[in-house]
PDB file of N, CA and C in Angstrom:
ATOM      1  N   UNK A   1     -13.821  15.040   9.487  1.00  0.00           N
ATOM      2  CA  UNK A   1     -13.737  13.765  10.185  1.00  0.00           C
ATOM      3  C   UNK A   1     -12.453  13.049   9.774  1.00  0.00           C
ATOM      4  N   UNK A   2     -11.787  12.477  10.753  1.00  0.00           N
ATOM      5  CA  UNK A   2     -10.543  11.748  10.488  1.00  0.00           C
ATOM      6  C   UNK A   2     -10.850  10.390   9.854  1.00  0.00           C
ATOM      7  N   UNK A   3      -9.948   9.942   8.997  1.00  0.00           N
ATOM      8  CA  UNK A   3     -10.086   8.616   8.398  1.00  0.00           C
ATOM      9  C   UNK A   3      -9.786   7.552   9.452  1.00  0.00           C
ATOM     10  N   UNK A   4     -10.128   6.326   9.131  1.00  0.00           N
ATOM     11  CA  UNK A   4      -9.816   5.208  10.031  1.00  0.00           C
ATOM     12  C   UNK A   4      -8.311   5.163  10.277  1.00  0.00           C
ATOM     13  N   UNK A   5      -7.528   5.312   9.210  1.00  0.00           N
ATOM     14  CA  UNK A   5      -6.070   5.256   9.365  1.00  0.00           C
ATOM     15  C   UNK A   5      -5.572   6.362  10.287  1.00  0.00           C
ATOM     16  N   UNK A   6      -6.077   7.569  10.127  1.00  0.00           N
ATOM     17  CA  UNK A   6      -5.645   8.674  10.993  1.00  0.00           C
ATOM     18  C   UNK A   6      -6.000   8.405  12.450  1.00  0.00           C
ATOM     19  N   UNK A   7      -7.182   7.870  12.678  1.00  0.00           N
ATOM     20  CA  UNK A   7      -7.607   7.569  14.046  1.00  0.00           C
ATOM     21  C   UNK A   7      -6.755   6.469  14.664  1.00  0.00           C
ATOM     22  N   UNK A   8      -6.433   5.441  13.874  1.00  0.00           N
ATOM     23  CA  UNK A   8      -5.592   4.347  14.372  1.00  0.00           C
ATOM     24  C   UNK A   8      -4.187   4.878  14.680  1.00  0.00           C
ATOM     25  N   UNK A   9      -3.622   5.656  13.781  1.00  0.00           N
ATOM     26  CA  UNK A   9      -2.285   6.214  14.017  1.00  0.00           C
ATOM     27  C   UNK A   9      -2.260   7.084  15.271  1.00  0.00           C
ATOM     28  N   UNK A  10      -3.273   7.910  15.458  1.00  0.00           N
ATOM     29  CA  UNK A  10      -3.343   8.780  16.633  1.00  0.00           C
ATOM     30  C   UNK A  10      -3.404   7.940  17.912  1.00  0.00           C
ATOM     31  N   UNK A  11      -4.240   6.899  17.909  1.00  0.00           N
ATOM     32  CA  UNK A  11      -4.344   6.022  19.075  1.00  0.00           C
ATOM     33  C   UNK A  11      -3.004   5.367  19.385  1.00  0.00           C
ATOM     34  N   UNK A  12      -2.344   4.848  18.366  1.00  0.00           N
ATOM     35  CA  UNK A  12      -1.051   4.182  18.576  1.00  0.00           C
ATOM     36  C   UNK A  12      -0.029   5.151  19.152  1.00  0.00           C
ATOM     37  N   UNK A  13       0.039   6.365  18.600  1.00  0.00           N
ATOM     38  CA  UNK A  13       1.001   7.361  19.094  1.00  0.00           C
ATOM     39  C   UNK A  13       0.711   7.751  20.540  1.00  0.00           C
ATOM     40  N   UNK A  14      -0.573   7.913  20.871  1.00  0.00           N
ATOM     41  CA  UNK A  14      -0.949   8.353  22.221  1.00  0.00           C
ATOM     42  C   UNK A  14      -0.840   7.242  23.259  1.00  0.00           C
ATOM     43  N   UNK A  15      -0.955   5.993  22.832  1.00  0.00           N
ATOM     44  CA  UNK A  15      -1.025   4.875  23.772  1.00  0.00           C
ATOM     45  C   UNK A  15       0.281   4.106  23.908  1.00  0.00           C
ATOM     46  N   UNK A  16       1.032   4.006  22.833  1.00  0.00           N
ATOM     47  CA  UNK A  16       2.245   3.197  22.826  1.00  0.00           C
ATOM     48  C   UNK A  16       3.444   4.070  22.472  1.00  0.00           C
ATOM     49  N   UNK A  17       4.259   4.435  23.451  1.00  0.00           N
ATOM     50  CA  UNK A  17       5.393   5.337  23.209  1.00  0.00           C
ATOM     51  C   UNK A  17       6.321   4.896  22.074  1.00  0.00           C
ATOM     52  N   UNK A  18       6.483   3.604  21.877  1.00  0.00           N
ATOM     53  CA  UNK A  18       7.373   3.109  20.811  1.00  0.00           C
ATOM     54  C   UNK A  18       6.894   3.587  19.443  1.00  0.00           C
ATOM     55  N   UNK A  19       5.579   3.784  19.291  1.00  0.00           N
ATOM     56  CA  UNK A  19       5.034   4.231  18.003  1.00  0.00           C
ATOM     57  C   UNK A  19       5.523   5.621  17.627  1.00  0.00           C
ATOM     58  N   UNK A  20       5.974   6.385  18.599  1.00  0.00           N
ATOM     59  CA  UNK A  20       6.480   7.730  18.331  1.00  0.00           C
ATOM     60  C   UNK A  20       7.942   7.740  17.898  1.00  0.00           C
ATOM     61  N   UNK A  21       8.613   6.626  18.070  1.00  0.00           N
ATOM     62  CA  UNK A  21      10.043   6.562  17.792  1.00  0.00           C
ATOM     63  C   UNK A  21      10.371   6.375  16.320  1.00  0.00           C
ATOM     64  N   UNK A  22       9.407   5.975  15.540  1.00  0.00           N
ATOM     65  CA  UNK A  22       9.637   5.749  14.119  1.00  0.00           C
ATOM     66  C   UNK A  22       8.367   6.065  13.345  1.00  0.00           C
ATOM     67  N   UNK A  23       8.506   6.428  12.100  1.00  0.00           N
ATOM     68  CA  UNK A  23       7.348   6.663  11.247  1.00  0.00           C
ATOM     69  C   UNK A  23       6.910   5.305  10.698  1.00  0.00           C
ATOM     70  N   UNK A  24       5.817   4.811  11.211  1.00  0.00           N
ATOM     71  CA  UNK A  24       5.340   3.490  10.816  1.00  0.00           C
ATOM     72  C   UNK A  24       4.722   3.531   9.427  1.00  0.00           C
ATOM     73  N   UNK A  25       5.145   2.614   8.578  1.00  0.00           N
ATOM     74  CA  UNK A  25       4.506   2.483   7.277  1.00  0.00           C
ATOM     75  C   UNK A  25       3.211   1.704   7.461  1.00  0.00           C
ATOM     76  N   UNK A  26       2.353   1.737   6.477  1.00  0.00           N
ATOM     77  CA  UNK A  26       1.049   1.078   6.580  1.00  0.00           C
ATOM     78  C   UNK A  26       1.175  -0.432   6.763  1.00  0.00           C
ATOM     79  N   UNK A  27       2.192  -1.038   6.178  1.00  0.00           N
ATOM     80  CA  UNK A  27       2.310  -2.490   6.228  1.00  0.00           C
ATOM     81  C   UNK A  27       3.379  -2.988   7.203  1.00  0.00           C
ATOM     82  N   UNK A  28       3.992  -2.104   7.948  1.00  0.00           N
ATOM     83  CA  UNK A  28       5.012  -2.493   8.923  1.00  0.00           C
ATOM     84  C   UNK A  28       4.381  -3.257  10.086  1.00  0.00           C
ATOM     85  N   UNK A  29       5.047  -4.301  10.520  1.00  0.00           N
ATOM     86  CA  UNK A  29       4.545  -5.121  11.621  1.00  0.00           C
ATOM     87  C   UNK A  29       4.590  -4.346  12.933  1.00  0.00           C
ATOM     88  N   UNK A  30       3.442  -4.252  13.593  1.00  0.00           N
ATOM     89  CA  UNK A  30       3.377  -3.588  14.894  1.00  0.00           C
ATOM     90  C   UNK A  30       3.963  -4.477  15.984  1.00  0.00           C
ATOM     91  N   UNK A  31       3.904  -5.779  15.783  1.00  0.00           N
ATOM     92  CA  UNK A  31       4.468  -6.718  16.754  1.00  0.00           C
ATOM     93  C   UNK A  31       5.986  -6.749  16.646  1.00  0.00           C
ATOM     94  N   UNK A  32       6.511  -6.920  15.442  1.00  0.00           N
ATOM     95  CA  UNK A  32       7.957  -6.984  15.250  1.00  0.00           C
ATOM     96  C   UNK A  32       8.655  -5.672  15.576  1.00  0.00           C
ATOM     97  N   UNK A  33       7.967  -4.547  15.362  1.00  0.00           N
ATOM     98  CA  UNK A  33       8.575  -3.244  15.646  1.00  0.00           C
ATOM     99  C   UNK A  33       8.508  -2.896  17.125  1.00  0.00           C
ATOM    100  N   UNK A  34       7.833  -3.733  17.914  1.00  0.00           N
ATOM    101  CA  UNK A  34       7.766  -3.508  19.350  1.00  0.00           C
ATOM    102  C   UNK A  34       6.675  -2.554  19.801  1.00  0.00           C
ATOM    103  N   UNK A  35       5.831  -2.117  18.874  1.00  0.00           N
ATOM    104  CA  UNK A  35       4.726  -1.225  19.252  1.00  0.00           C
ATOM    105  C   UNK A  35       3.716  -1.989  20.089  1.00  0.00           C
ATOM    106  N   UNK A  36       3.360  -3.197  19.638  1.00  0.00           N
ATOM    107  CA  UNK A  36       2.371  -4.009  20.343  1.00  0.00           C
ATOM    108  C   UNK A  36       2.996  -5.226  21.001  1.00  0.00           C
ATOM    109  N   UNK A  37       2.519  -5.528  22.202  1.00  0.00           N
ATOM    110  CA  UNK A  37       2.789  -6.811  22.845  1.00  0.00           C
ATOM    111  C   UNK A  37       1.413  -7.406  23.151  1.00  0.00           C
ATOM    112  N   UNK A  38       1.354  -8.487  23.899  1.00  0.00           N
ATOM    113  CA  UNK A  38       0.060  -9.151  24.115  1.00  0.00           C
ATOM    114  C   UNK A  38      -0.933  -8.253  24.842  1.00  0.00           C
ATOM    115  N   UNK A  39      -0.480  -7.497  25.831  1.00  0.00           N
ATOM    116  CA  UNK A  39      -1.367  -6.585  26.539  1.00  0.00           C
ATOM    117  C   UNK A  39      -1.787  -5.443  25.611  1.00  0.00           C
ATOM    118  N   UNK A  40      -0.869  -4.979  24.795  1.00  0.00           N
ATOM    119  CA  UNK A  40      -1.177  -3.936  23.820  1.00  0.00           C
ATOM    120  C   UNK A  40      -2.235  -4.378  22.833  1.00  0.00           C
ATOM    121  N   UNK A  41      -2.189  -5.636  22.416  1.00  0.00           N
ATOM    122  CA  UNK A  41      -3.196  -6.167  21.496  1.00  0.00           C
ATOM    123  C   UNK A  41      -4.573  -6.102  22.151  1.00  0.00           C
ATOM    124  N   UNK A  42      -4.660  -6.500  23.410  1.00  0.00           N
ATOM    125  CA  UNK A  42      -5.948  -6.448  24.116  1.00  0.00           C
ATOM    126  C   UNK A  42      -6.452  -5.007  24.216  1.00  0.00           C
ATOM    127  N   UNK A  43      -5.558  -4.100  24.540  1.00  0.00           N
ATOM    128  CA  UNK A  43      -5.907  -2.685  24.633  1.00  0.00           C
ATOM    129  C   UNK A  43      -6.411  -2.168  23.284  1.00  0.00           C
ATOM    130  N   UNK A  44      -5.709  -2.526  22.222  1.00  0.00           N
ATOM    131  CA  UNK A  44      -6.086  -2.118  20.874  1.00  0.00           C
ATOM    132  C   UNK A  44      -7.448  -2.670  20.484  1.00  0.00           C
ATOM    133  N   UNK A  45      -7.703  -3.940  20.766  1.00  0.00           N
ATOM    134  CA  UNK A  45      -8.983  -4.542  20.402  1.00  0.00           C
ATOM    135  C   UNK A  45     -10.151  -3.861  21.142  1.00  0.00           C
ATOM    136  N   UNK A  46      -9.944  -3.566  22.411  1.00  0.00           N
ATOM    137  CA  UNK A  46     -10.969  -2.875  23.188  1.00  0.00           C
ATOM    138  C   UNK A  46     -11.245  -1.500  22.597  1.00  0.00           C
ATOM    139  N   UNK A  47     -10.193  -0.798  22.229  1.00  0.00           N
ATOM    140  CA  UNK A  47     -10.341   0.529  21.630  1.00  0.00           C
ATOM    141  C   UNK A  47     -11.058   0.439  20.283  1.00  0.00           C
ATOM    142  N   UNK A  48     -10.682  -0.528  19.440  1.00  0.00           N
ATOM    143  CA  UNK A  48     -11.340  -0.680  18.135  1.00  0.00           C
ATOM    144  C   UNK A  48     -12.842  -0.875  18.296  1.00  0.00           C
ATOM    145  N   UNK A  49     -13.227  -1.713  19.241  1.00  0.00           N
ATOM    146  CA  UNK A  49     -14.648  -1.965  19.470  1.00  0.00           C
ATOM    147  C   UNK A  49     -15.376  -0.687  19.854  1.00  0.00           C
ATOM    148  N   UNK A  50     -14.785   0.039  20.767  1.00  0.00           N
ATOM    149  CA  UNK A  50     -15.405   1.272  21.266  1.00  0.00           C
ATOM    150  C   UNK A  50     -15.397   2.373  20.201  1.00  0.00           C
ATOM    151  N   UNK A  51     -14.278   2.554  19.558  1.00  0.00           N
ATOM    152  CA  UNK A  51     -14.096   3.652  18.606  1.00  0.00           C
ATOM    153  C   UNK A  51     -14.910   3.488  17.331  1.00  0.00           C
ATOM    154  N   UNK A  52     -15.024   2.242  16.861  1.00  0.00           N
ATOM    155  CA  UNK A  52     -15.646   2.013  15.561  1.00  0.00           C
ATOM    156  C   UNK A  52     -16.968   1.238  15.634  1.00  0.00           C
ATOM    157  N   UNK A  53     -17.472   1.017  16.830  1.00  0.00           N
ATOM    158  CA  UNK A  53     -18.752   0.327  17.032  1.00  0.00           C
ATOM    159  C   UNK A  53     -18.776  -1.037  16.345  1.00  0.00           C
ATOM    160  N   UNK A  54     -17.696  -1.797  16.547  1.00  0.00           N
ATOM    161  CA  UNK A  54     -17.616  -3.150  15.992  1.00  0.00           C
ATOM    162  C   UNK A  54     -17.408  -4.128  17.139  1.00  0.00           C
ATOM    163  N   UNK A  55     -17.606  -5.404  16.856  1.00  0.00           N
ATOM    164  CA  UNK A  55     -17.317  -6.451  17.838  1.00  0.00           C
ATOM    165  C   UNK A  55     -16.200  -7.319  17.276  1.00  0.00           C
ATOM    166  N   UNK A  56     -15.120  -7.415  18.017  1.00  0.00           N
ATOM    167  CA  UNK A  56     -13.961  -8.210  17.596  1.00  0.00           C
ATOM    168  C   UNK A  56     -14.106  -9.617  18.170  1.00  0.00           C
ATOM    169  N   UNK A  57     -14.249 -10.580  17.292  1.00  0.00           N
ATOM    170  CA  UNK A  57     -14.341 -11.978  17.704  1.00  0.00           C
ATOM    171  C   UNK A  57     -12.934 -12.485  18.045  1.00  0.00           C
ATOM    172  N   UNK A  58     -12.855 -13.367  19.036  1.00  0.00           N
ATOM    173  CA  UNK A  58     -11.550 -13.899  19.449  1.00  0.00           C
ATOM    174  C   UNK A  58     -10.778 -14.495  18.271  1.00  0.00           C
ATOM    175  N   UNK A  59     -11.470 -15.243  17.404  1.00  0.00           N
ATOM    176  CA  UNK A  59     -10.786 -15.902  16.289  1.00  0.00           C
ATOM    177  C   UNK A  59     -10.302 -14.911  15.224  1.00  0.00           C
ATOM    178  N   UNK A  60     -10.718 -13.643  15.315  1.00  0.00           N
ATOM    179  CA  UNK A  60     -10.291 -12.632  14.352  1.00  0.00           C
ATOM    180  C   UNK A  60      -9.002 -11.911  14.788  1.00  0.00           C
ATOM    181  N   UNK A  61      -8.570 -12.162  16.012  1.00  0.00           N
ATOM    182  CA  UNK A  61      -7.360 -11.517  16.529  1.00  0.00           C
ATOM    183  C   UNK A  61      -6.151 -12.315  16.045  1.00  0.00           C
ATOM    184  N   UNK A  62      -5.845 -12.121  14.773  1.00  0.00           N
ATOM    185  CA  UNK A  62      -4.734 -12.805  14.104  1.00  0.00           C
ATOM    186  C   UNK A  62      -3.895 -11.755  13.376  1.00  0.00           C
ATOM    187  N   UNK A  63      -2.633 -12.049  13.121  1.00  0.00           N
ATOM    188  CA  UNK A  63      -1.765 -11.058  12.461  1.00  0.00           C
ATOM    189  C   UNK A  63      -2.347 -10.485  11.168  1.00  0.00           C
ATOM    190  N   UNK A  64      -3.046 -11.279  10.400  1.00  0.00           N
ATOM    191  CA  UNK A  64      -3.610 -10.789   9.133  1.00  0.00           C
ATOM    192  C   UNK A  64      -4.559  -9.612   9.352  1.00  0.00           C
ATOM    193  N   UNK A  65      -5.170  -9.537  10.541  1.00  0.00           N
ATOM    194  CA  UNK A  65      -6.122  -8.467  10.835  1.00  0.00           C
ATOM    195  C   UNK A  65      -5.531  -7.329  11.648  1.00  0.00           C
ATOM    196  N   UNK A  66      -4.505  -7.610  12.445  1.00  0.00           N
ATOM    197  CA  UNK A  66      -4.068  -6.590  13.407  1.00  0.00           C
ATOM    198  C   UNK A  66      -2.600  -6.191  13.323  1.00  0.00           C
ATOM    199  N   UNK A  67      -1.792  -6.898  12.574  1.00  0.00           N
ATOM    200  CA  UNK A  67      -0.356  -6.631  12.620  1.00  0.00           C
ATOM    201  C   UNK A  67       0.094  -5.646  11.555  1.00  0.00           C
ATOM    202  N   UNK A  68      -0.400  -4.441  11.664  1.00  0.00           N
ATOM    203  CA  UNK A  68      -0.021  -3.355  10.768  1.00  0.00           C
ATOM    204  C   UNK A  68      -1.167  -2.378  10.649  1.00  0.00           C
ATOM    205  N   UNK A  69      -0.846  -1.151  10.384  1.00  0.00           N
ATOM    206  CA  UNK A  69      -1.881  -0.132  10.272  1.00  0.00           C
ATOM    207  C   UNK A  69      -2.795  -0.435   9.092  1.00  0.00           C
ATOM    208  N   UNK A  70      -2.224  -0.840   7.971  1.00  0.00           N
ATOM    209  CA  UNK A  70      -3.029  -1.192   6.800  1.00  0.00           C
ATOM    210  C   UNK A  70      -3.964  -2.355   7.098  1.00  0.00           C
ATOM    211  N   UNK A  71      -3.452  -3.370   7.795  1.00  0.00           N
ATOM    212  CA  UNK A  71      -4.279  -4.524   8.157  1.00  0.00           C
ATOM    213  C   UNK A  71      -5.416  -4.099   9.077  1.00  0.00           C
ATOM    214  N   UNK A  72      -5.138  -3.226  10.020  1.00  0.00           N
ATOM    215  CA  UNK A  72      -6.176  -2.741  10.934  1.00  0.00           C
ATOM    216  C   UNK A  72      -7.251  -1.959  10.191  1.00  0.00           C
ATOM    217  N   UNK A  73      -6.838  -1.111   9.267  1.00  0.00           N
ATOM    218  CA  UNK A  73      -7.801  -0.330   8.486  1.00  0.00           C
ATOM    219  C   UNK A  73      -8.699  -1.262   7.676  1.00  0.00           C
ATOM    220  N   UNK A  74      -8.100  -2.232   6.992  1.00  0.00           N
ATOM    221  CA  UNK A  74      -8.895  -3.176   6.198  1.00  0.00           C
ATOM    222  C   UNK A  74      -9.848  -3.973   7.085  1.00  0.00           C
ATOM    223  N   UNK A  75      -9.371  -4.385   8.253  1.00  0.00           N
ATOM    224  CA  UNK A  75     -10.198  -5.149   9.183  1.00  0.00           C
ATOM    225  C   UNK A  75     -11.394  -4.313   9.659  1.00  0.00           C
ATOM    226  N   UNK A  76     -11.138  -3.092  10.085  1.00  0.00           N
ATOM    227  CA  UNK A  76     -12.219  -2.219  10.565  1.00  0.00           C
ATOM    228  C   UNK A  76     -13.216  -1.950   9.434  1.00  0.00           C
ATOM    229  N   UNK A  77     -12.711  -1.666   8.239  1.00  0.00           N
ATOM    230  CA  UNK A  77     -13.602  -1.417   7.101  1.00  0.00           C
ATOM    231  C   UNK A  77     -14.496  -2.622   6.831  1.00  0.00           C
ATOM    232  N   UNK A  78     -13.922  -3.828   6.875  1.00  0.00           N
ATOM    233  CA  UNK A  78     -14.723  -5.023   6.596  1.00  0.00           C
ATOM    234  C   UNK A  78     -15.743  -5.277   7.701  1.00  0.00           C
ATOM    235  N   UNK A  79     -15.362  -5.055   8.956  1.00  0.00           N
ATOM    236  CA  UNK A  79     -16.296  -5.252  10.069  1.00  0.00           C
ATOM    237  C   UNK A  79     -17.435  -4.239  10.008  1.00  0.00           C
ATOM    238  N   UNK A  80     -17.117  -2.999   9.671  1.00  0.00           N
ATOM    239  CA  UNK A  80     -18.151  -1.969   9.584  1.00  0.00           C
ATOM    240  C   UNK A  80     -19.079  -2.243   8.399  1.00  0.00           C
ATOM    241  N   UNK A  81     -18.540  -2.695   7.290  1.00  0.00           N
ATOM    242  CA  UNK A  81     -19.364  -3.024   6.124  1.00  0.00           C
ATOM    243  C   UNK A  81     -20.284  -4.200   6.454  1.00  0.00           C
ATOM    244  N   UNK A  82     -19.737  -5.183   7.134  1.00  0.00           N
ATOM    245  CA  UNK A  82     -20.500  -6.366   7.565  1.00  0.00           C
ATOM    246  C   UNK A  82     -21.684  -5.959   8.441  1.00  0.00           C
ATOM    247  N   UNK A  83     -21.475  -4.938   9.272  1.00  0.00           N
ATOM    248  CA  UNK A  83     -22.512  -4.463  10.195  1.00  0.00           C
ATOM    249  C   UNK A  83     -23.412  -3.400   9.553  1.00  0.00           C
ATOM    250  N   UNK A  84     -23.107  -3.033   8.303  1.00  0.00           N
ATOM    251  CA  UNK A  84     -23.914  -2.023   7.614  1.00  0.00           C
ATOM    252  C   UNK A  84     -23.634  -0.604   8.099  1.00  0.00           C
ATOM    253  N   UNK A  85     -22.431  -0.402   8.664  1.00  0.00           N
ATOM    254  CA  UNK A  85     -22.039   0.924   9.150  1.00  0.00           C
ATOM    255  C   UNK A  85     -21.177   1.630   8.121  1.00  0.00           C
ATOM    256  N   UNK A  86     -21.301   2.933   8.045  1.00  0.00           N
ATOM    257  CA  UNK A  86     -20.444   3.723   7.170  1.00  0.00           C
ATOM    258  C   UNK A  86     -19.886   4.882   7.955  1.00  0.00           C
ATOM    259  N   UNK A  87     -18.809   5.463   7.447  1.00  0.00           N
ATOM    260  CA  UNK A  87     -18.190   6.613   8.125  1.00  0.00           C
ATOM    261  C   UNK A  87     -19.082   7.812   8.055  1.00  0.00           C
TER     262      UNK A  87
END
């Protein structure tokens, strides 16, 4: 089974062509690097909900939770723990 980080990286590479142009570090900004724009954020949030069986609250869509692969992994882990889900 792939880790959360591997699944997020695969989704980004398959969905956003800019993600293939550089090797993204875990803490690199997805917004500043041009991987995500506002529509991309919506697409990503929808995918996170479906892929990880979580519900993303509107107030949680902030850079601290979504602007980097590391931030996304931590966010998904916390949401899954909150819901009592494990990998």
